[in-house]
PDB file of N, CA and C in Angstrom:
ATOM      1  N   THR A   1       2.667   1.161 -18.394  1.00  0.00           N
ATOM      2  CA  THR A   1       2.250   1.499 -17.088  1.00  0.00           C
ATOM      3  C   THR A   1       4.322   2.467 -16.212  1.00  0.00           C
ATOM      4  N   LYS A   2       4.320   2.919 -15.859  1.00  0.00           N
ATOM      5  CA  LYS A   2       5.602   3.686 -15.104  1.00  0.00           C
ATOM      6  C   LYS A   2       6.941   2.572 -14.366  1.00  0.00           C
ATOM      7  N   LYS A   3       5.927   1.432 -13.828  1.00  0.00           N
ATOM      8  CA  LYS A   3       6.486   0.841 -12.849  1.00  0.00           C
ATOM      9  C   LYS A   3       7.147  -0.621 -14.217  1.00  0.00           C
ATOM     10  N   GLU A   4       6.473  -0.528 -15.096  1.00  0.00           N
ATOM     11  CA  GLU A   4       6.929  -1.992 -16.158  1.00  0.00           C
ATOM     12  C   GLU A   4       7.875  -1.149 -17.176  1.00  0.00           C
ATOM     13  N   LEU A   5       7.939   0.091 -17.515  1.00  0.00           N
ATOM     14  CA  LEU A   5       9.018   1.263 -18.441  1.00  0.00           C
ATOM     15  C   LEU A   5      10.045   0.936 -17.404  1.00  0.00           C
ATOM     16  N   ALA A   6       9.965   1.309 -16.296  1.00  0.00           N
ATOM     17  CA  ALA A   6      11.259   1.056 -15.260  1.00  0.00           C
ATOM     18  C   ALA A   6      11.689  -0.451 -15.315  1.00  0.00           C
ATOM     19  N   LYS A   7      10.853  -1.699 -15.086  1.00  0.00           N
ATOM     20  CA  LYS A   7      11.376  -2.478 -15.438  1.00  0.00           C
ATOM     21  C   LYS A   7      12.177  -3.340 -16.043  1.00  0.00           C
ATOM     22  N   VAL A   8      11.966  -2.692 -17.390  1.00  0.00           N
ATOM     23  CA  VAL A   8      12.532  -2.998 -18.293  1.00  0.00           C
ATOM     24  C   VAL A   8      13.632  -1.906 -19.195  1.00  0.00           C
ATOM     25  N   THR A   9      13.721  -0.849 -18.638  1.00  0.00           N
ATOM     26  CA  THR A   9      14.815  -0.021 -18.778  1.00  0.00           C
ATOM     27  C   THR A   9      16.283  -0.116 -17.690  1.00  0.00           C
ATOM     28  N   ARG A  10      15.602  -0.323 -16.670  1.00  0.00           N
ATOM     29  CA  ARG A  10      16.249  -0.821 -15.351  1.00  0.00           C
ATOM     30  C   ARG A  10      17.618  -2.372 -16.283  1.00  0.00           C
ATOM     31  N   ALA A  11      17.237  -3.124 -16.827  1.00  0.00           N
ATOM     32  CA  ALA A  11      18.157  -4.430 -17.023  1.00  0.00           C
ATOM     33  C   ALA A  11      19.169  -3.530 -18.696  1.00  0.00           C
ATOM     34  N   ARG A  12      18.576  -2.780 -19.359  1.00  0.00           N
ATOM     35  CA  ARG A  12      18.991  -2.004 -20.194  1.00  0.00           C
ATOM     36  C   ARG A  12      19.972  -1.353 -19.787  1.00  0.00           C
ATOM     37  N   TYR A  13      19.919  -0.800 -18.997  1.00  0.00           N
ATOM     38  CA  TYR A  13      20.783   0.684 -18.415  1.00  0.00           C
ATOM     39  C   TYR A  13      21.827   0.255 -17.179  1.00  0.00           C
ATOM     40  N   ARG A  14      21.747  -1.043 -16.786  1.00  0.00           N
ATOM     41  CA  ARG A  14      22.826  -1.467 -16.302  1.00  0.00           C
ATOM     42  C   ARG A  14      24.482  -2.073 -17.260  1.00  0.00           C
ATOM     43  N   LEU A  15      23.877  -2.648 -18.233  1.00  0.00           N
ATOM     44  CA  LEU A  15      24.433  -2.847 -19.277  1.00  0.00           C
ATOM     45  C   LEU A  15      25.340  -1.532 -19.862  1.00  0.00           C
ATOM     46  N   ALA A  16      24.913  -0.816 -20.223  1.00  0.00           N
ATOM     47  CA  ALA A  16      25.093   0.217 -20.865  1.00  0.00           C
ATOM     48  C   ALA A  16      26.510   1.152 -21.317  1.00  0.00           C
ATOM     49  N   GLY A  17      26.804   2.008 -21.965  1.00  0.00           N
ATOM     50  CA  GLY A  17      28.100   2.319 -21.045  1.00  0.00           C
ATOM     51  C   GLY A  17      27.835   4.260 -20.730  1.00  0.00           C
ATOM     52  N   LYS A  18      28.348   5.027 -20.088  1.00  0.00           N
ATOM     53  CA  LYS A  18      27.980   6.171 -19.367  1.00  0.00           C
ATOM     54  C   LYS A  18      27.219   6.877 -20.620  1.00  0.00           C
ATOM     55  N   SER A  19      27.586   7.211 -22.032  1.00  0.00           N
ATOM     56  CA  SER A  19      26.489   7.892 -23.172  1.00  0.00           C
ATOM     57  C   SER A  19      25.348   7.679 -22.848  1.00  0.00           C
ATOM     58  N   VAL A  20      25.252   6.575 -23.207  1.00  0.00           N
ATOM     59  CA  VAL A  20      23.568   5.522 -23.618  1.00  0.00           C
ATOM     60  C   VAL A  20      23.230   5.430 -22.103  1.00  0.00           C
ATOM     61  N   LYS A  21      24.234   5.506 -21.489  1.00  0.00           N
ATOM     62  CA  LYS A  21      22.815   5.792 -19.799  1.00  0.00           C
ATOM     63  C   LYS A  21      22.911   7.053 -19.444  1.00  0.00           C
ATOM     64  N   THR A  22      23.150   8.337 -20.303  1.00  0.00           N
ATOM     65  CA  THR A  22      22.767   9.262 -19.977  1.00  0.00           C
ATOM     66  C   THR A  22      21.516   9.756 -21.378  1.00  0.00           C
ATOM     67  N   PHE A  23      21.879   9.058 -22.510  1.00  0.00           N
ATOM     68  CA  PHE A  23      20.617   9.223 -23.127  1.00  0.00           C
ATOM     69  C   PHE A  23      19.121   8.589 -22.849  1.00  0.00           C
ATOM     70  N   MET A  24      19.549   7.272 -22.370  1.00  0.00           N
ATOM     71  CA  MET A  24      18.312   6.534 -22.024  1.00  0.00           C
ATOM     72  C   MET A  24      17.652   6.979 -20.236  1.00  0.00           C
ATOM     73  N   LEU A  25      18.552   8.057 -20.085  1.00  0.00           N
ATOM     74  CA  LEU A  25      17.989   8.870 -18.518  1.00  0.00           C
ATOM     75  C   LEU A  25      16.959   9.494 -19.198  1.00  0.00           C
ATOM     76  N   ASN A  26      17.986  10.494 -19.695  1.00  0.00           N
ATOM     77  CA  ASN A  26      17.091  11.831 -20.103  1.00  0.00           C
ATOM     78  C   ASN A  26      15.543  11.031 -21.000  1.00  0.00           C
ATOM     79  N   LYS A  27      15.393  10.258 -21.453  1.00  0.00           N
ATOM     80  CA  LYS A  27      14.139   9.079 -22.559  1.00  0.00           C
ATOM     81  C   LYS A  27      13.100   8.859 -21.582  1.00  0.00           C
ATOM     82  N   PHE A  28      13.939   8.325 -20.344  1.00  0.00           N
ATOM     83  CA  PHE A  28      12.871   7.914 -19.741  1.00  0.00           C
ATOM     84  C   PHE A  28      11.940   9.285 -18.327  1.00  0.00           C
ATOM     85  N   CYS A  29      13.376   9.969 -18.193  1.00  0.00           N
ATOM     86  CA  CYS A  29      12.970  10.697 -17.074  1.00  0.00           C
ATOM     87  C   CYS A  29      11.705  11.793 -18.283  1.00  0.00           C
ATOM     88  N   GLY A  30      11.594  12.422 -19.891  1.00  0.00           N
ATOM     89  CA  GLY A  30      11.063  12.843 -20.408  1.00  0.00           C
ATOM     90  C   GLY A  30      10.099  11.952 -20.232  1.00  0.00           C
ATOM     91  N   ASN A  31       9.834  10.944 -20.757  1.00  0.00           N
ATOM     92  CA  ASN A  31       8.592   9.971 -20.177  1.00  0.00           C
ATOM     93  C   ASN A  31       7.855   9.864 -19.048  1.00  0.00           C
ATOM     94  N   THR A  32       7.928   9.793 -18.334  1.00  0.00           N
ATOM     95  CA  THR A  32       7.894   9.405 -16.954  1.00  0.00           C
ATOM     96  C   THR A  32       7.431  10.573 -15.821  1.00  0.00           C
ATOM     97  N   GLU A  33       8.346  11.386 -16.207  1.00  0.00           N
ATOM     98  CA  GLU A  33       7.978  12.792 -15.179  1.00  0.00           C
ATOM     99  C   GLU A  33       8.782  12.745 -13.831  1.00  0.00           C
ATOM    100  N   TYR A  34      10.002  11.544 -14.185  1.00  0.00           N
ATOM    101  CA  TYR A  34      10.164  11.374 -13.084  1.00  0.00           C
ATOM    102  C   TYR A  34      11.606  12.188 -12.799  1.00  0.00           C
ATOM    103  N   TYR A  35      12.141  12.863 -11.546  1.00  0.00           N
ATOM    104  CA  TYR A  35      13.149  13.332 -11.469  1.00  0.00           C
ATOM    105  C   TYR A  35      14.445  12.664 -11.511  1.00  0.00           C
ATOM    106  N   ARG A  36      15.582  12.759 -12.460  1.00  0.00           N
ATOM    107  CA  ARG A  36      17.060  12.520 -12.487  1.00  0.00           C
ATOM    108  C   ARG A  36      17.213  12.156 -11.510  1.00  0.00           C
ATOM    109  N   LYS A  37      17.468  12.049 -10.566  1.00  0.00           N
ATOM    110  CA  LYS A  37      18.077  11.691  -9.503  1.00  0.00           C
ATOM    111  C   LYS A  37      17.314  10.142  -8.974  1.00  0.00           C
ATOM    112  N   TYR A  38      15.920  10.172  -8.919  1.00  0.00           N
ATOM    113  CA  TYR A  38      15.076   9.497  -8.758  1.00  0.00           C
ATOM    114  C   TYR A  38      15.546   8.032  -9.310  1.00  0.00           C
ATOM    115  N   ALA A  39      15.327   8.673 -10.695  1.00  0.00           N
ATOM    116  CA  ALA A  39      15.601   7.562 -12.145  1.00  0.00           C
ATOM    117  C   ALA A  39      16.357   6.381 -11.926  1.00  0.00           C
ATOM    118  N   ILE A  40      18.244   7.565 -11.539  1.00  0.00           N
ATOM    119  CA  ILE A  40      18.757   6.823 -11.150  1.00  0.00           C
ATOM    120  C   ILE A  40      18.879   6.100  -9.721  1.00  0.00           C
ATOM    121  N   LYS A  41      17.835   6.466  -8.946  1.00  0.00           N
ATOM    122  CA  LYS A  41      18.370   5.243  -8.054  1.00  0.00           C
ATOM    123  C   LYS A  41      17.515   3.917  -7.983  1.00  0.00           C
ATOM    124  N   LEU A  42      16.245   4.659  -9.001  1.00  0.00           N
ATOM    125  CA  LEU A  42      15.508   3.318  -9.699  1.00  0.00           C
ATOM    126  C   LEU A  42      16.449   2.383 -10.654  1.00  0.00           C
ATOM    127  N   PHE A  43      17.167   2.634 -11.393  1.00  0.00           N
ATOM    128  CA  PHE A  43      17.745   1.653 -11.922  1.00  0.00           C
ATOM    129  C   PHE A  43      19.033   0.980 -11.140  1.00  0.00           C
ATOM    130  N   ASN A  44      19.912   1.751 -10.891  1.00  0.00           N
ATOM    131  CA  ASN A  44      21.011   1.739  -9.666  1.00  0.00           C
ATOM    132  C   ASN A  44      20.472   0.642  -8.525  1.00  0.00           C
ATOM    133  N   HIS A  45      19.698   0.689  -7.797  1.00  0.00           N
ATOM    134  CA  HIS A  45      19.002  -0.789  -7.066  1.00  0.00           C
ATOM    135  C   HIS A  45      18.333  -1.395  -7.232  1.00  0.00           C
ATOM    136  N   PRO A  46      18.232  -2.502  -6.405  1.00  0.00           N
ATOM    137  CA  PRO A  46      17.262  -3.670  -6.363  1.00  0.00           C
ATOM    138  C   PRO A  46      15.735  -2.978  -6.195  1.00  0.00           C
ATOM    139  N   PRO A  47      14.929  -3.581  -6.995  1.00  0.00           N
ATOM    140  CA  PRO A  47      12.991  -3.449  -6.450  1.00  0.00           C
ATOM    141  C   PRO A  47      13.186  -4.107  -5.190  1.00  0.00           C
ATOM    142  N   LYS A  48      12.419  -2.880  -4.484  1.00  0.00           N
ATOM    143  CA  LYS A  48      11.375  -3.244  -3.263  1.00  0.00           C
ATOM    144  C   LYS A  48      10.844  -4.323  -3.070  1.00  0.00           C
ATOM    145  N   GLU A  49      10.867  -5.180  -2.817  1.00  0.00           N
ATOM    146  CA  GLU A  49       9.939  -6.583  -2.375  1.00  0.00           C
ATOM    147  C   GLU A  49       8.298  -5.834  -1.522  1.00  0.00           C
ATOM    148  N   ASN A  50       7.838  -6.132  -2.129  1.00  0.00           N
ATOM    149  CA  ASN A  50       6.644  -5.418  -0.899  1.00  0.00           C
ATOM    150  C   ASN A  50       6.050  -6.174  -0.108  1.00  0.00           C
ATOM    151  N   LYS A  51       6.521  -5.984   1.030  1.00  0.00           N
ATOM    152  CA  LYS A  51       5.926  -7.162   2.136  1.00  0.00           C
ATOM    153  C   LYS A  51       5.214  -6.900   3.052  1.00  0.00           C
ATOM    154  N   ARG A  52       3.068  -7.862   3.136  1.00  0.00           N
ATOM    155  CA  ARG A  52       2.838  -6.810   3.568  1.00  0.00           C
ATOM    156  C   ARG A  52       3.120  -7.469   5.259  1.00  0.00           C
ATOM    157  N   GLY A  53       2.282  -6.512   6.025  1.00  0.00           N
ATOM    158  CA  GLY A  53       2.735  -6.769   6.995  1.00  0.00           C
ATOM    159  C   GLY A  53       1.608  -8.365   7.976  1.00  0.00           C
ATOM    160  N   VAL A  54       2.192  -8.248   8.675  1.00  0.00           N
ATOM    161  CA  VAL A  54       1.018  -9.362   9.720  1.00  0.00           C
ATOM    162  C   VAL A  54      -0.053  -8.760  10.185  1.00  0.00           C
ATOM    163  N   GLY A  55       0.026  -7.489  10.756  1.00  0.00           N
ATOM    164  CA  GLY A  55      -1.254  -7.117  11.596  1.00  0.00           C
ATOM    165  C   GLY A  55      -1.159  -7.213  12.679  1.00  0.00           C
ATOM    166  N   ARG A  56      -1.986  -6.258  13.850  1.00  0.00           N
ATOM    167  CA  ARG A  56      -2.561  -7.073  14.897  1.00  0.00           C
ATOM    168  C   ARG A  56      -3.319  -7.903  14.844  1.00  0.00           C
ATOM    169  N   ARG A  57      -2.858  -8.958  15.814  1.00  0.00           N
ATOM    170  CA  ARG A  57      -4.448 -10.327  16.077  1.00  0.00           C
ATOM    171  C   ARG A  57      -5.433  -9.186  16.828  1.00  0.00           C
ATOM    172  N   LYS A  58      -5.833 -10.005  16.654  1.00  0.00           N
ATOM    173  CA  LYS A  58      -7.511 -10.164  17.609  1.00  0.00           C
ATOM    174  C   LYS A  58      -7.621  -9.948  18.441  1.00  0.00           C
ATOM    175  N   LYS A  59      -8.110  -8.857  19.487  1.00  0.00           N
ATOM    176  CA  LYS A  59      -8.002  -8.523  20.922  1.00  0.00           C
ATOM    177  C   LYS A  59      -9.133  -9.962  21.503  1.00  0.00           C
ATOM    178  N   TYR A  60     -10.260 -10.166  21.350  1.00  0.00           N
ATOM    179  CA  TYR A  60     -11.398 -10.238  21.409  1.00  0.00           C
ATOM    180  C   TYR A  60     -11.767 -11.803  20.174  1.00  0.00           C
ATOM    181  N   ASP A  61     -12.234 -12.848  20.958  1.00  0.00           N
ATOM    182  CA  ASP A  61     -12.386 -13.593  20.049  1.00  0.00           C
ATOM    183  C   ASP A  61     -14.796 -13.274  19.785  1.00  0.00           C
ATOM    184  N   SER A  62     -14.984 -13.220  18.760  1.00  0.00           N
ATOM    185  CA  SER A  62     -15.847 -12.963  18.551  1.00  0.00           C
ATOM    186  C   SER A  62     -16.980 -13.084  19.157  1.00  0.00           C
ATOM    187  N   GLU A  63     -17.342 -14.582  19.703  1.00  0.00           N
ATOM    188  CA  GLU A  63     -18.313 -15.530  19.734  1.00  0.00           C
ATOM    189  C   GLU A  63     -18.111 -15.496  21.409  1.00  0.00           C
ATOM    190  N   LEU A  64     -17.090 -15.354  21.929  1.00  0.00           N
ATOM    191  CA  LEU A  64     -17.003 -14.915  23.491  1.00  0.00           C
ATOM    192  C   LEU A  64     -17.013 -13.445  23.521  1.00  0.00           C
ATOM    193  N   PHE A  65     -16.693 -12.304  23.038  1.00  0.00           N
ATOM    194  CA  PHE A  65     -17.166 -11.299  23.148  1.00  0.00           C
ATOM    195  C   PHE A  65     -18.345 -10.936  22.801  1.00  0.00           C
ATOM    196  N   ALA A  66     -18.977 -11.840  22.209  1.00  0.00           N
ATOM    197  CA  ALA A  66     -20.650 -11.914  21.887  1.00  0.00           C
ATOM    198  C   ALA A  66     -21.263 -11.675  22.639  1.00  0.00           C
ATOM    199  N   GLU A  67     -20.997 -12.878  23.511  1.00  0.00           N
ATOM    200  CA  GLU A  67     -21.919 -13.529  24.976  1.00  0.00           C
ATOM    201  C   GLU A  67     -21.478 -12.640  26.048  1.00  0.00           C
ATOM    202  N   ALA A  68     -20.418 -12.043  26.253  1.00  0.00           N
ATOM    203  CA  ALA A  68     -20.531 -10.724  26.935  1.00  0.00           C
ATOM    204  C   ALA A  68     -21.263  -9.839  26.980  1.00  0.00           C
ATOM    205  N   ILE A  69     -21.030  -9.606  25.653  1.00  0.00           N
ATOM    206  CA  ILE A  69     -21.434  -8.398  25.862  1.00  0.00           C
ATOM    207  C   ILE A  69     -22.886  -7.852  25.411  1.00  0.00           C
ATOM    208  N   ILE A  70     -23.781  -8.607  24.898  1.00  0.00           N
ATOM    209  CA  ILE A  70     -25.360  -8.754  24.461  1.00  0.00           C
ATOM    210  C   ILE A  70     -26.203  -8.535  25.493  1.00  0.00           C
ATOM    211  N   PRO A  71     -25.934  -9.501  25.976  1.00  0.00           N
ATOM    212  CA  PRO A  71     -27.124  -9.179  27.957  1.00  0.00           C
ATOM    213  C   PRO A  71     -26.572  -7.690  28.448  1.00  0.00           C
ATOM    214  N   ILE A  72     -25.277  -7.454  28.216  1.00  0.00           N
ATOM    215  CA  ILE A  72     -25.004  -5.987  28.410  1.00  0.00           C
ATOM    216  C   ILE A  72     -26.049  -4.493  27.727  1.00  0.00           C
ATOM    217  N   TRP A  73     -25.635  -4.945  26.867  1.00  0.00           N
ATOM    218  CA  TRP A  73     -26.445  -4.475  25.791  1.00  0.00           C
ATOM    219  C   TRP A  73     -27.932  -4.768  26.062  1.00  0.00           C
ATOM    220  N   ASN A  74     -28.286  -5.492  26.405  1.00  0.00           N
ATOM    221  CA  ASN A  74     -29.786  -5.656  26.698  1.00  0.00           C
ATOM    222  C   ASN A  74     -30.368  -4.459  27.751  1.00  0.00           C
ATOM    223  N   TYR A  75     -29.256  -5.164  28.714  1.00  0.00           N
ATOM    224  CA  TYR A  75     -29.718  -3.995  29.927  1.00  0.00           C
ATOM    225  C   TYR A  75     -29.392  -3.190  30.081  1.00  0.00           C
ATOM    226  N   TRP A  76     -28.550  -2.517  29.240  1.00  0.00           N
ATOM    227  CA  TRP A  76     -28.456  -0.936  28.996  1.00  0.00           C
ATOM    228  C   TRP A  76     -28.979   0.221  28.350  1.00  0.00           C
ATOM    229  N   ILE A  77     -28.110  -0.201  27.177  1.00  0.00           N
ATOM    230  CA  ILE A  77     -28.806   0.203  26.152  1.00  0.00           C
ATOM    231  C   ILE A  77     -30.170   0.438  24.996  1.00  0.00           C
ATOM    232  N   ILE A  78     -30.779  -1.235  25.411  1.00  0.00           N
ATOM    233  CA  ILE A  78     -31.896  -0.910  24.551  1.00  0.00           C
ATOM    234  C   ILE A  78     -32.812   0.243  25.387  1.00  0.00           C
ATOM    235  N   PRO A  79     -33.094  -0.027  26.908  1.00  0.00           N
ATOM    236  CA  PRO A  79     -33.944  -0.049  27.512  1.00  0.00           C
ATOM    237  C   PRO A  79     -34.078   1.931  27.130  1.00  0.00           C
ATOM    238  N   ALA A  80     -32.573   2.002  27.168  1.00  0.00           N
ATOM    239  CA  ALA A  80     -32.707   3.251  27.058  1.00  0.00           C
ATOM    240  C   ALA A  80     -32.571   4.498  25.654  1.00  0.00           C
ATOM    241  N   ALA A  81     -32.682   3.028  24.758  1.00  0.00           N
ATOM    242  CA  ALA A  81     -33.193   3.801  22.905  1.00  0.00           C
ATOM    243  C   ALA A  81     -34.419   4.822  22.963  1.00  0.00           C
ATOM    244  N   PRO A  82     -34.405   5.291  22.244  1.00  0.00           N
ATOM    245  CA  PRO A  82     -35.928   5.602  21.894  1.00  0.00           C
ATOM    246  C   PRO A  82     -37.048   4.982  21.074  1.00  0.00           C
ATOM    247  N   ASP A  83     -37.857   4.699  21.319  1.00  0.00           N
ATOM    248  CA  ASP A  83     -38.892   4.044  21.093  1.00  0.00           C
ATOM    249  C   ASP A  83     -39.641   5.001  19.600  1.00  0.00           C
ATOM    250  N   TYR A  84     -39.038   4.691  18.871  1.00  0.00           N
ATOM    251  CA  TYR A  84     -39.028   5.377  17.457  1.00  0.00           C
ATOM    252  C   TYR A  84     -40.580   4.288  16.503  1.00  0.00           C
ATOM    253  N   SER A  85     -41.164   3.417  17.245  1.00  0.00           N
ATOM    254  CA  SER A  85     -42.760   3.084  16.464  1.00  0.00           C
ATOM    255  C   SER A  85     -43.623   3.415  16.494  1.00  0.00           C
ATOM    256  N   ARG A  86     -43.601   4.626  17.943  1.00  0.00           N
ATOM    257  CA  ARG A  86     -44.593   5.235  18.868  1.00  0.00           C
ATOM    258  C   ARG A  86     -44.842   5.864  17.872  1.00  0.00           C
ATOM    259  N   ASN A  87     -44.767   6.525  17.052  1.00  0.00           N
ATOM    260  CA  ASN A  87     -44.221   7.845  16.275  1.00  0.00           C
ATOM    261  C   ASN A  87     -45.211   8.084  15.069  1.00  0.00           C
TER     262      ASN A  87
END
């Protein structure tokens, strides 16, 4: 994959001289179809760590919410729903 190729090339790119870097960059951009500036950025900067966000906490406890909402549904929504069993 492109990420694996970038990872392998990054290590060699940092140790190479200018003429070798140019050759490696041309080859890498030809294989991956990345723009040169983006490829240079990939090679010169450390890879970003994927930090997963914690996300929002649940607003309501499911059991507590169910105890409160089910009687409301039974009182308001169920009687108003059409009865399809008669058709």
